[in-house]
N, C-alpha and C. Protein backbone atom coordinates (compact mmCIF):
# COMPACT_ATOMS: atom_id res chain seq x y z
N UNK A 1 -17.37 45.20 -97.38
CA UNK A 1 -18.19 43.73 -98.29
C UNK A 1 -18.01 42.68 -97.25
N UNK A 2 -16.78 42.82 -96.62
CA UNK A 2 -16.22 41.67 -95.48
C UNK A 2 -17.73 41.56 -94.08
N UNK A 3 -18.38 42.82 -94.06
CA UNK A 3 -19.29 43.21 -92.85
C UNK A 3 -20.18 42.58 -93.30
N UNK A 4 -20.90 42.61 -94.83
CA UNK A 4 -21.72 42.36 -95.31
C UNK A 4 -22.32 40.90 -95.04
N UNK A 5 -21.11 39.84 -95.89
CA UNK A 5 -20.88 38.68 -95.50
C UNK A 5 -21.21 38.22 -94.27
N UNK A 6 -20.36 38.42 -93.08
CA UNK A 6 -20.67 38.39 -92.03
C UNK A 6 -22.44 38.23 -91.46
N UNK A 7 -23.00 39.32 -91.87
CA UNK A 7 -24.35 39.55 -91.96
C UNK A 7 -25.00 38.73 -92.32
N UNK A 8 -25.11 38.35 -93.49
CA UNK A 8 -25.85 37.71 -94.16
C UNK A 8 -25.76 35.79 -93.49
N UNK A 9 -24.18 35.65 -93.42
CA UNK A 9 -24.18 34.31 -92.70
C UNK A 9 -24.71 34.25 -91.44
N UNK A 10 -24.81 35.52 -90.65
CA UNK A 10 -25.15 35.58 -88.89
C UNK A 10 -27.13 35.36 -89.53
N UNK A 11 -27.58 35.94 -90.45
CA UNK A 11 -28.85 35.53 -90.20
C UNK A 11 -29.33 34.16 -90.71
N UNK A 12 -28.57 33.71 -91.36
CA UNK A 12 -28.66 32.14 -91.96
C UNK A 12 -28.23 31.37 -90.69
N UNK A 13 -27.18 31.66 -89.71
CA UNK A 13 -27.01 30.74 -88.71
C UNK A 13 -26.66 31.57 -87.90
N UNK A 14 -26.87 32.06 -86.52
CA UNK A 14 -26.73 32.99 -85.81
C UNK A 14 -25.30 32.66 -85.05
N UNK A 15 -24.94 31.10 -84.78
CA UNK A 15 -23.81 30.67 -84.46
C UNK A 15 -23.21 30.31 -85.45
N UNK A 16 -23.06 30.88 -86.78
CA UNK A 16 -21.98 30.48 -87.94
C UNK A 16 -20.75 31.18 -87.24
N UNK A 17 -21.08 32.28 -86.82
CA UNK A 17 -19.66 33.15 -87.06
C UNK A 17 -18.31 32.86 -85.63
N UNK A 18 -19.29 31.94 -84.53
CA UNK A 18 -18.30 31.23 -83.74
C UNK A 18 -17.82 29.71 -84.26
N UNK A 19 -18.50 29.44 -85.04
CA UNK A 19 -18.14 27.90 -85.51
C UNK A 19 -17.56 27.90 -86.48
N UNK A 20 -17.31 28.94 -87.48
CA UNK A 20 -16.22 29.67 -88.43
C UNK A 20 -16.84 28.26 -89.65
N UNK A 21 -17.73 28.14 -89.70
CA UNK A 21 -18.44 27.26 -91.15
C UNK A 21 -19.42 28.28 -92.14
N UNK A 22 -19.96 27.90 -93.59
CA UNK A 22 -20.18 28.30 -93.94
C UNK A 22 -21.35 27.67 -94.39
N UNK A 23 -22.86 28.61 -94.22
CA UNK A 23 -23.62 27.31 -94.56
C UNK A 23 -23.89 26.50 -95.77
N UNK A 24 -24.52 25.44 -95.47
CA UNK A 24 -24.46 24.34 -96.79
C UNK A 24 -23.08 23.64 -96.74
N UNK A 25 -22.19 23.48 -95.94
CA UNK A 25 -21.25 22.87 -96.21
C UNK A 25 -20.74 22.46 -94.63
N UNK A 26 -21.45 20.89 -94.49
CA UNK A 26 -21.28 20.34 -93.31
C UNK A 26 -19.94 20.24 -93.01
N UNK A 27 -19.74 20.53 -91.23
CA UNK A 27 -18.24 20.76 -90.79
C UNK A 27 -18.54 19.36 -89.65
N UNK A 28 -17.01 19.25 -89.13
CA UNK A 28 -17.04 18.05 -87.97
C UNK A 28 -17.53 18.63 -86.75
N UNK A 29 -17.85 20.03 -86.45
CA UNK A 29 -18.55 20.28 -85.37
C UNK A 29 -19.99 20.24 -85.36
N UNK A 30 -20.71 20.59 -86.38
CA UNK A 30 -21.84 20.51 -86.80
C UNK A 30 -22.30 19.14 -86.81
N UNK A 31 -21.73 18.09 -87.23
CA UNK A 31 -21.72 16.72 -87.50
C UNK A 31 -22.18 16.31 -85.91
N UNK A 32 -21.10 16.60 -84.36
CA UNK A 32 -21.01 16.38 -83.76
C UNK A 32 -22.14 16.86 -82.83
N UNK A 33 -22.75 18.37 -83.21
CA UNK A 33 -23.68 18.90 -82.63
C UNK A 33 -25.32 18.01 -82.90
N UNK A 34 -25.38 17.47 -84.41
CA UNK A 34 -26.50 16.37 -84.98
C UNK A 34 -26.57 15.35 -84.29
N UNK A 35 -24.97 14.80 -83.96
CA UNK A 35 -25.00 13.74 -83.36
C UNK A 35 -25.40 13.62 -81.95
N UNK A 36 -25.32 14.52 -81.00
CA UNK A 36 -25.73 15.09 -79.85
C UNK A 36 -27.28 15.24 -79.74
N UNK A 37 -28.13 16.26 -80.56
CA UNK A 37 -29.23 15.88 -80.54
C UNK A 37 -29.83 14.95 -81.03
N UNK A 38 -29.57 14.22 -81.81
CA UNK A 38 -30.29 12.98 -82.03
C UNK A 38 -29.95 11.84 -80.86
N UNK A 39 -29.06 11.90 -79.86
CA UNK A 39 -29.04 11.48 -79.07
C UNK A 39 -30.26 11.53 -78.06
N UNK A 40 -30.25 12.75 -77.65
CA UNK A 40 -30.99 13.49 -76.98
C UNK A 40 -32.30 13.31 -77.18
N UNK A 41 -32.94 13.30 -78.59
CA UNK A 41 -34.10 12.93 -78.93
C UNK A 41 -34.31 12.00 -78.70
N UNK A 42 -33.55 10.82 -78.69
CA UNK A 42 -33.54 9.05 -78.51
C UNK A 42 -34.15 9.00 -77.21
N UNK A 43 -32.89 9.78 -76.37
CA UNK A 43 -33.53 9.36 -74.69
C UNK A 43 -34.84 10.00 -74.48
N UNK A 44 -35.24 11.31 -74.94
CA UNK A 44 -36.40 11.98 -74.55
C UNK A 44 -37.60 10.44 -74.99
N UNK A 45 -37.26 9.80 -75.83
CA UNK A 45 -38.44 9.23 -76.71
C UNK A 45 -38.50 8.03 -75.60
N UNK A 46 -37.35 7.67 -75.45
CA UNK A 46 -37.37 6.44 -74.58
C UNK A 46 -37.89 7.02 -73.18
N UNK A 47 -37.61 8.42 -72.64
CA UNK A 47 -38.64 8.38 -71.56
C UNK A 47 -39.89 8.76 -71.50
N UNK A 48 -40.61 9.13 -72.50
CA UNK A 48 -42.01 8.87 -73.12
C UNK A 48 -42.18 7.55 -73.20
N UNK A 49 -41.96 6.55 -73.61
CA UNK A 49 -42.12 4.99 -73.70
C UNK A 49 -42.10 4.84 -72.27
N UNK A 50 -41.42 5.09 -71.65
CA UNK A 50 -41.45 4.66 -70.16
C UNK A 50 -42.46 5.05 -69.09
N UNK A 51 -42.50 6.49 -69.60
CA UNK A 51 -43.60 6.92 -68.51
C UNK A 51 -45.21 6.38 -69.18
N UNK A 52 -45.41 6.11 -70.19
CA UNK A 52 -46.35 5.09 -70.83
C UNK A 52 -46.80 4.08 -70.25
N UNK A 53 -45.66 3.26 -70.01
CA UNK A 53 -45.80 1.97 -69.37
C UNK A 53 -46.17 2.23 -67.76
N UNK A 54 -45.46 3.09 -67.25
CA UNK A 54 -46.02 3.35 -66.21
C UNK A 54 -47.25 3.80 -65.65
N UNK A 55 -47.81 4.81 -66.26
CA UNK A 55 -49.17 4.81 -66.54
C UNK A 55 -49.78 3.87 -66.61
N UNK A 56 -49.76 2.98 -67.93
CA UNK A 56 -50.69 1.96 -67.63
C UNK A 56 -50.58 1.28 -66.74
N UNK A 57 -49.27 1.02 -65.87
CA UNK A 57 -49.19 0.14 -65.18
C UNK A 57 -50.20 0.58 -63.44
N UNK A 58 -50.30 1.71 -63.31
CA UNK A 58 -50.74 2.34 -62.53
C UNK A 58 -52.57 2.27 -63.06
N UNK A 59 -52.87 2.49 -64.10
CA UNK A 59 -54.10 2.16 -64.61
C UNK A 59 -54.19 1.03 -64.31
N UNK A 60 -53.95 -0.22 -64.56
CA UNK A 60 -53.76 -1.55 -64.28
C UNK A 60 -54.24 -1.86 -63.00
N UNK A 61 -53.55 -0.99 -62.13
CA UNK A 61 -53.61 -1.39 -60.43
C UNK A 61 -54.82 -0.41 -59.77
N UNK A 62 -55.06 0.64 -60.46
CA UNK A 62 -55.94 1.27 -59.78
C UNK A 62 -57.47 0.72 -60.20
N UNK A 63 -57.48 0.33 -61.85
CA UNK A 63 -59.13 -0.64 -61.89
C UNK A 63 -58.76 -1.97 -60.83
N UNK A 64 -57.72 -2.69 -60.56
CA UNK A 64 -57.60 -3.78 -59.89
C UNK A 64 -58.23 -3.38 -58.24
N UNK A 65 -58.03 -2.03 -57.79
CA UNK A 65 -58.52 -1.57 -56.74
C UNK A 65 -59.50 -1.20 -56.36
N UNK A 66 -60.16 -1.04 -57.75
CA UNK A 66 -61.67 -0.13 -57.44
C UNK A 66 -62.80 -1.38 -57.96
N UNK A 67 -62.28 -2.73 -57.93
CA UNK A 67 -63.00 -4.07 -58.02
C UNK A 67 -63.75 -4.03 -57.08
N UNK A 68 -64.85 -4.78 -57.41
CA UNK A 68 -65.39 -5.14 -55.77
C UNK A 68 -65.22 -6.13 -55.33
N UNK A 69 -64.94 -6.23 -53.86
CA UNK A 69 -64.49 -7.08 -53.36
C UNK A 69 -65.92 -8.49 -53.04
N UNK A 70 -65.56 -9.35 -52.67
CA UNK A 70 -66.74 -10.49 -52.19
C UNK A 70 -66.78 -10.35 -50.83
N UNK A 71 -68.14 -10.19 -50.74
CA UNK A 71 -69.12 -9.97 -49.30
C UNK A 71 -68.41 -11.11 -48.48
N UNK A 72 -68.72 -10.98 -47.43
CA UNK A 72 -68.40 -12.17 -46.54
C UNK A 72 -69.57 -13.22 -46.80
N UNK A 73 -69.60 -14.06 -46.43
CA UNK A 73 -70.41 -15.26 -46.34
C UNK A 73 -71.73 -14.83 -45.14
N UNK A 74 -72.73 -15.75 -45.60
CA UNK A 74 -73.78 -15.72 -44.67
C UNK A 74 -73.62 -15.88 -43.02
N UNK A 75 -73.08 -16.62 -42.88
CA UNK A 75 -72.95 -17.37 -41.75
C UNK A 75 -72.09 -16.19 -40.86
N UNK A 76 -71.36 -15.30 -41.22
CA UNK A 76 -70.59 -14.49 -40.81
C UNK A 76 -71.46 -13.49 -40.10
N UNK A 77 -72.81 -13.41 -40.87
CA UNK A 77 -73.64 -12.21 -40.87
C UNK A 77 -74.28 -11.87 -39.28
N UNK A 78 -74.35 -13.09 -39.05
CA UNK A 78 -75.24 -13.30 -37.88
C UNK A 78 -74.27 -12.72 -36.69
N UNK A 79 -72.93 -12.80 -36.73
CA UNK A 79 -71.90 -12.74 -35.79
C UNK A 79 -72.01 -11.07 -35.45
N UNK A 80 -71.99 -10.77 -34.24
CA UNK A 80 -72.02 -9.05 -33.97
C UNK A 80 -70.41 -8.43 -34.65
N UNK A 81 -70.74 -7.41 -35.25
CA UNK A 81 -69.34 -6.89 -35.57
C UNK A 81 -68.44 -6.29 -34.65
N UNK A 82 -67.16 -6.50 -34.71
CA UNK A 82 -66.03 -6.38 -34.05
C UNK A 82 -65.65 -4.76 -33.81
N UNK A 83 -65.38 -4.16 -32.90
CA UNK A 83 -64.82 -3.13 -32.75
C UNK A 83 -63.57 -3.18 -33.44
N UNK A 84 -62.56 -3.82 -33.44
CA UNK A 84 -61.36 -4.02 -34.02
C UNK A 84 -61.39 -3.56 -35.45
N UNK A 85 -60.20 -2.98 -36.09
CA UNK A 85 -60.13 -2.81 -37.44
C UNK A 85 -60.02 -4.06 -38.15
N UNK A 86 -60.21 -4.16 -39.30
CA UNK A 86 -60.02 -5.82 -40.00
C UNK A 86 -58.85 -5.44 -40.64
N UNK A 87 -57.60 -6.30 -40.69
CA UNK A 87 -56.45 -6.20 -41.49
C UNK A 87 -56.84 -6.33 -43.06
N UNK A 88 -56.17 -5.80 -43.88
CA UNK A 88 -56.28 -5.88 -44.97
C UNK A 88 -55.94 -7.02 -45.91
N UNK A 89 -56.50 -7.51 -47.02
CA UNK A 89 -55.94 -8.82 -47.14
C UNK A 89 -54.24 -8.40 -48.15
N UNK A 90 -53.85 -9.83 -48.18
CA UNK A 90 -52.52 -9.73 -48.48
C UNK A 90 -52.71 -9.87 -49.94
N UNK A 91 -52.65 -9.10 -50.84
CA UNK A 91 -52.79 -9.30 -52.28
C UNK A 91 -51.33 -10.04 -52.99
N UNK A 92 -50.19 -9.52 -52.23
CA UNK A 92 -49.11 -9.80 -52.85
C UNK A 92 -48.87 -10.98 -52.70
N UNK A 93 -49.06 -11.82 -51.68
CA UNK A 93 -48.76 -13.34 -51.37
C UNK A 93 -49.99 -13.95 -50.42
N UNK A 94 -51.26 -14.27 -51.45
CA UNK A 94 -52.22 -14.78 -51.15
C UNK A 94 -52.27 -15.93 -50.13
N UNK A 95 -50.95 -16.62 -49.89
CA UNK A 95 -50.92 -17.69 -49.31
C UNK A 95 -50.75 -17.17 -47.39
N UNK A 96 -50.33 -16.05 -47.30
CA UNK A 96 -50.02 -15.75 -46.09
C UNK A 96 -50.76 -15.45 -45.23
N UNK A 97 -51.40 -16.00 -44.39
CA UNK A 97 -52.56 -15.40 -43.60
C UNK A 97 -52.10 -15.05 -42.02
N UNK A 98 -53.28 -14.07 -42.09
CA UNK A 98 -52.59 -13.00 -41.00
C UNK A 98 -53.27 -13.75 -39.45
N UNK A 99 -52.39 -13.99 -38.58
CA UNK A 99 -53.03 -14.68 -37.62
C UNK A 99 -51.67 -14.46 -36.23
N UNK A 100 -52.40 -14.05 -35.30
CA UNK A 100 -51.40 -13.46 -33.80
C UNK A 100 -50.40 -14.88 -33.60
N UNK A 101 -49.30 -14.65 -33.69
CA UNK A 101 -48.29 -15.23 -33.54
C UNK A 101 -48.22 -15.54 -31.88
N UNK A 102 -49.06 -15.07 -30.82
CA UNK A 102 -49.07 -15.69 -29.65
C UNK A 102 -50.18 -16.86 -29.41
N UNK A 103 -51.39 -16.56 -30.02
CA UNK A 103 -52.57 -17.07 -29.81
C UNK A 103 -53.04 -17.96 -30.95
N UNK A 104 -52.54 -17.46 -32.16
CA UNK A 104 -52.98 -17.99 -33.43
C UNK A 104 -54.50 -17.60 -33.88
N UNK A 105 -54.71 -16.28 -33.13
CA UNK A 105 -56.07 -15.95 -33.12
C UNK A 105 -56.32 -14.97 -34.68
N UNK A 106 -57.04 -14.63 -35.04
CA UNK A 106 -57.13 -13.84 -36.13
C UNK A 106 -57.19 -12.47 -36.03
N UNK A 107 -55.81 -12.00 -35.58
CA UNK A 107 -55.55 -10.55 -34.91
C UNK A 107 -54.18 -10.52 -35.10
N UNK A 108 -53.57 -9.06 -35.10
CA UNK A 108 -52.14 -9.08 -34.44
C UNK A 108 -51.81 -9.47 -33.44
N UNK A 109 -50.95 -9.36 -32.74
CA UNK A 109 -50.03 -9.80 -31.63
C UNK A 109 -50.05 -8.29 -30.70
N UNK A 110 -50.29 -7.49 -31.46
CA UNK A 110 -50.53 -5.86 -30.79
C UNK A 110 -51.83 -6.08 -30.33
N UNK A 111 -52.64 -6.48 -30.80
CA UNK A 111 -54.42 -6.65 -30.51
C UNK A 111 -54.67 -7.41 -29.77
N UNK A 112 -53.53 -8.21 -29.49
CA UNK A 112 -53.88 -9.61 -28.38
C UNK A 112 -54.56 -9.63 -27.31
N UNK A 113 -55.69 -10.05 -26.86
CA UNK A 113 -56.15 -9.97 -25.55
C UNK A 113 -55.37 -10.79 -24.40
N UNK A 114 -55.22 -11.95 -25.25
CA UNK A 114 -54.15 -12.91 -24.34
C UNK A 114 -52.92 -12.77 -23.82
N UNK A 115 -52.48 -11.85 -24.73
CA UNK A 115 -51.16 -11.51 -24.66
C UNK A 115 -51.02 -10.45 -23.57
N UNK A 116 -51.99 -9.62 -23.62
CA UNK A 116 -52.21 -8.02 -22.66
C UNK A 116 -52.64 -8.87 -21.23
N UNK A 117 -53.22 -9.62 -20.98
CA UNK A 117 -53.78 -10.47 -20.09
C UNK A 117 -51.95 -11.02 -19.31
N UNK A 118 -51.67 -11.71 -19.67
CA UNK A 118 -50.35 -12.25 -19.44
C UNK A 118 -49.42 -11.30 -19.09
N UNK A 119 -49.16 -9.99 -19.75
CA UNK A 119 -48.61 -9.19 -19.83
C UNK A 119 -48.76 -8.25 -18.39
N UNK A 120 -49.97 -8.27 -18.06
CA UNK A 120 -50.42 -7.93 -16.84
C UNK A 120 -50.46 -8.72 -15.32
N UNK A 121 -50.40 -10.00 -16.02
CA UNK A 121 -50.27 -10.80 -14.59
C UNK A 121 -48.60 -10.99 -14.22
N UNK A 122 -47.60 -10.34 -15.37
CA UNK A 122 -46.19 -10.36 -15.10
C UNK A 122 -45.65 -11.74 -15.79
N UNK A 123 -46.62 -12.16 -16.33
CA UNK A 123 -46.14 -13.56 -16.60
C UNK A 123 -45.21 -13.90 -17.80
N UNK A 124 -45.15 -12.57 -18.44
CA UNK A 124 -44.48 -12.35 -20.25
C UNK A 124 -44.06 -10.66 -19.68
N UNK A 125 -42.94 -10.51 -20.47
CA UNK A 125 -42.49 -9.43 -20.69
C UNK A 125 -42.11 -8.64 -22.09
N UNK A 126 -42.14 -7.68 -22.57
CA UNK A 126 -42.37 -7.36 -23.87
C UNK A 126 -40.97 -6.12 -23.74
N UNK A 127 -39.98 -7.23 -24.61
CA UNK A 127 -38.72 -6.20 -25.20
C UNK A 127 -39.03 -5.92 -26.55
N UNK A 128 -38.71 -4.48 -26.85
CA UNK A 128 -38.78 -3.87 -28.34
C UNK A 128 -40.11 -4.31 -28.78
N UNK A 129 -40.41 -5.20 -29.95
CA UNK A 129 -41.47 -5.90 -30.22
C UNK A 129 -42.23 -7.43 -29.75
N UNK A 130 -41.08 -7.93 -29.03
CA UNK A 130 -40.90 -9.31 -28.67
C UNK A 130 -40.96 -9.58 -27.23
N UNK A 131 -41.89 -10.75 -27.18
CA UNK A 131 -42.61 -11.11 -25.95
C UNK A 131 -41.16 -12.58 -25.43
N UNK A 132 -40.99 -12.00 -24.08
CA UNK A 132 -40.12 -13.11 -23.67
C UNK A 132 -40.72 -13.56 -22.10
N UNK A 133 -40.14 -14.14 -21.71
CA UNK A 133 -40.09 -14.61 -20.03
C UNK A 133 -39.93 -13.68 -18.86
N UNK A 134 -40.27 -13.27 -17.93
CA UNK A 134 -40.06 -12.53 -17.00
C UNK A 134 -38.50 -12.16 -16.80
N UNK A 135 -37.56 -13.33 -16.74
CA UNK A 135 -36.29 -13.15 -16.77
C UNK A 135 -35.81 -12.78 -17.96
N UNK A 136 -36.35 -12.70 -18.59
CA UNK A 136 -35.43 -12.35 -20.33
C UNK A 136 -35.33 -13.30 -21.41
N UNK A 137 -35.46 -14.58 -20.57
CA UNK A 137 -35.60 -15.67 -21.75
C UNK A 137 -36.50 -15.58 -22.89
N UNK A 138 -36.25 -16.76 -23.63
CA UNK A 138 -36.96 -16.50 -24.92
C UNK A 138 -38.28 -17.65 -24.25
N UNK A 139 -39.62 -17.52 -24.86
CA UNK A 139 -40.72 -18.59 -24.58
C UNK A 139 -40.15 -19.75 -25.45
N UNK A 140 -40.25 -20.90 -24.81
CA UNK A 140 -39.89 -22.16 -25.17
C UNK A 140 -40.87 -22.22 -26.31
N UNK A 141 -40.43 -23.03 -27.91
CA UNK A 141 -41.41 -23.29 -28.70
C UNK A 141 -41.45 -25.01 -28.25
N UNK A 142 -42.77 -24.95 -28.20
CA UNK A 142 -43.22 -26.60 -28.42
C UNK A 142 -43.96 -26.68 -29.62
N UNK A 143 -43.49 -28.02 -30.45
CA UNK A 143 -44.90 -28.04 -31.49
C UNK A 143 -46.25 -28.28 -30.77
N UNK A 144 -46.73 -27.56 -31.96
CA UNK A 144 -48.13 -27.97 -32.17
C UNK A 144 -48.79 -26.96 -30.54
N UNK A 145 -48.07 -26.27 -30.04
CA UNK A 145 -48.62 -25.22 -28.83
C UNK A 145 -48.55 -24.29 -29.34
N UNK A 146 -49.16 -22.79 -29.11
CA UNK A 146 -49.09 -21.76 -29.15
C UNK A 146 -48.06 -20.86 -27.78
N UNK A 147 -47.54 -19.74 -28.23
CA UNK A 147 -46.78 -19.51 -26.88
C UNK A 147 -47.74 -18.84 -26.06
N UNK A 148 -48.88 -18.88 -25.96
CA UNK A 148 -50.06 -18.62 -24.93
C UNK A 148 -50.03 -19.82 -24.37
N UNK A 149 -50.23 -21.36 -24.67
CA UNK A 149 -50.39 -22.34 -23.96
C UNK A 149 -48.85 -22.81 -23.54
N UNK A 150 -48.19 -22.42 -23.79
CA UNK A 150 -46.35 -22.57 -22.98
C UNK A 150 -46.66 -21.85 -21.93
N UNK A 151 -47.24 -20.23 -22.22
CA UNK A 151 -46.68 -19.12 -20.99
C UNK A 151 -47.71 -19.93 -19.82
N UNK A 152 -48.89 -20.16 -20.07
CA UNK A 152 -50.13 -20.84 -19.23
C UNK A 152 -49.55 -21.91 -18.32
N UNK A 153 -49.04 -22.92 -19.12
CA UNK A 153 -48.32 -24.07 -18.59
C UNK A 153 -47.64 -23.67 -17.55
N UNK A 154 -46.39 -23.06 -17.86
CA UNK A 154 -45.38 -22.73 -17.27
C UNK A 154 -45.81 -22.22 -16.06
N UNK A 155 -47.08 -20.96 -16.08
CA UNK A 155 -47.13 -20.79 -14.92
C UNK A 155 -48.04 -21.54 -14.21
N UNK A 156 -48.90 -22.06 -14.76
CA UNK A 156 -49.78 -23.04 -14.04
C UNK A 156 -48.83 -23.78 -12.93
N UNK A 157 -47.88 -24.58 -13.57
CA UNK A 157 -47.28 -25.72 -12.55
C UNK A 157 -46.49 -24.54 -11.50
N UNK A 158 -45.85 -23.66 -11.92
CA UNK A 158 -45.16 -22.67 -10.91
C UNK A 158 -46.51 -22.52 -9.78
N UNK A 159 -47.07 -21.71 -10.04
CA UNK A 159 -48.28 -21.88 -9.27
C UNK A 159 -49.12 -22.59 -8.18
N UNK A 160 -49.00 -23.77 -8.93
CA UNK A 160 -49.86 -24.93 -8.84
C UNK A 160 -51.14 -24.91 -8.43
N UNK A 161 -51.83 -24.32 -9.37
CA UNK A 161 -53.25 -24.03 -9.14
C UNK A 161 -53.80 -24.90 -9.74
N UNK A 162 -55.01 -25.20 -9.22
CA UNK A 162 -55.91 -25.85 -9.84
C UNK A 162 -56.28 -25.54 -11.40
N UNK A 163 -56.82 -26.27 -12.34
CA UNK A 163 -57.41 -25.50 -13.53
C UNK A 163 -58.76 -24.61 -13.28
N UNK A 164 -59.37 -24.89 -12.11
CA UNK A 164 -60.74 -24.46 -11.96
C UNK A 164 -60.38 -23.02 -11.60
N UNK A 165 -58.94 -22.52 -10.80
CA UNK A 165 -58.65 -21.58 -10.05
C UNK A 165 -57.96 -20.94 -11.05
N UNK A 166 -57.28 -21.37 -11.94
CA UNK A 166 -56.13 -20.95 -13.12
C UNK A 166 -57.36 -19.86 -13.94
N UNK A 167 -58.86 -20.69 -14.38
CA UNK A 167 -59.10 -19.94 -15.00
C UNK A 167 -59.77 -18.81 -14.96
N UNK A 168 -60.14 -18.82 -13.33
CA UNK A 168 -60.86 -18.13 -12.60
C UNK A 168 -59.88 -16.55 -12.56
N UNK A 169 -58.75 -16.82 -12.30
CA UNK A 169 -57.92 -15.93 -12.40
C UNK A 169 -57.66 -15.40 -13.90
N UNK A 170 -57.59 -15.88 -15.16
CA UNK A 170 -57.38 -15.50 -16.05
C UNK A 170 -58.67 -14.79 -16.45
N UNK A 171 -59.69 -14.94 -16.03
CA UNK A 171 -60.97 -14.57 -15.99
C UNK A 171 -61.38 -13.32 -15.83
N UNK A 172 -60.89 -12.92 -14.09
CA UNK A 172 -60.55 -11.89 -13.39
C UNK A 172 -59.95 -11.03 -13.89
N UNK A 173 -58.77 -11.29 -14.71
CA UNK A 173 -58.23 -9.90 -15.26
C UNK A 173 -58.70 -9.80 -16.54
N UNK A 174 -59.53 -10.46 -17.04
CA UNK A 174 -60.27 -10.19 -18.51
C UNK A 174 -61.41 -9.20 -18.23
N UNK A 175 -62.19 -9.54 -17.28
CA UNK A 175 -62.84 -8.60 -16.48
C UNK A 175 -62.80 -7.46 -16.14
N UNK A 176 -61.64 -7.25 -15.31
CA UNK A 176 -61.01 -5.76 -14.77
C UNK A 176 -59.97 -4.97 -16.13
N UNK A 177 -59.58 -6.05 -16.80
CA UNK A 177 -58.91 -5.55 -18.09
C UNK A 177 -57.87 -5.09 -17.58
N UNK A 178 -56.91 -5.53 -16.91
CA UNK A 178 -55.63 -4.86 -16.62
C UNK A 178 -54.63 -5.72 -17.34
């Protein structure tokens, strides 16, 4: 008789023999199990809501990226295309303008022809990513002057060249690409 009771209990609740409960009567263990299952269900629901929010954000960003960009003004259309890559616009901070720190041109310092010429003339040296004077000192900052202007002024004084000879020297370096 005892065996039949266990078999019927096992059929109703397979884990009943380990819990020592009779079906239909709530016990402390089954209450704890129900609470744990409820917490897990709540966690799953929260994760589903969060993933829906992330999906919505991604869809918004993707639709923004797929929007057509305004074309260049007609005045720029007459200019020949440049072989350099055009840097992307900064949509995070639209007030930031991408300009060369060395000559304030519309490019990055790594693509700056003026910096390359001055490096070839040994007027400046590059340490890591920074440009310095040949002795390792920082290039002096003078208000309303670019680093390029400061370096050229320093070297013009050192070489005591006339402005015409100075421009020819720079032009020669530009043509030779040194």
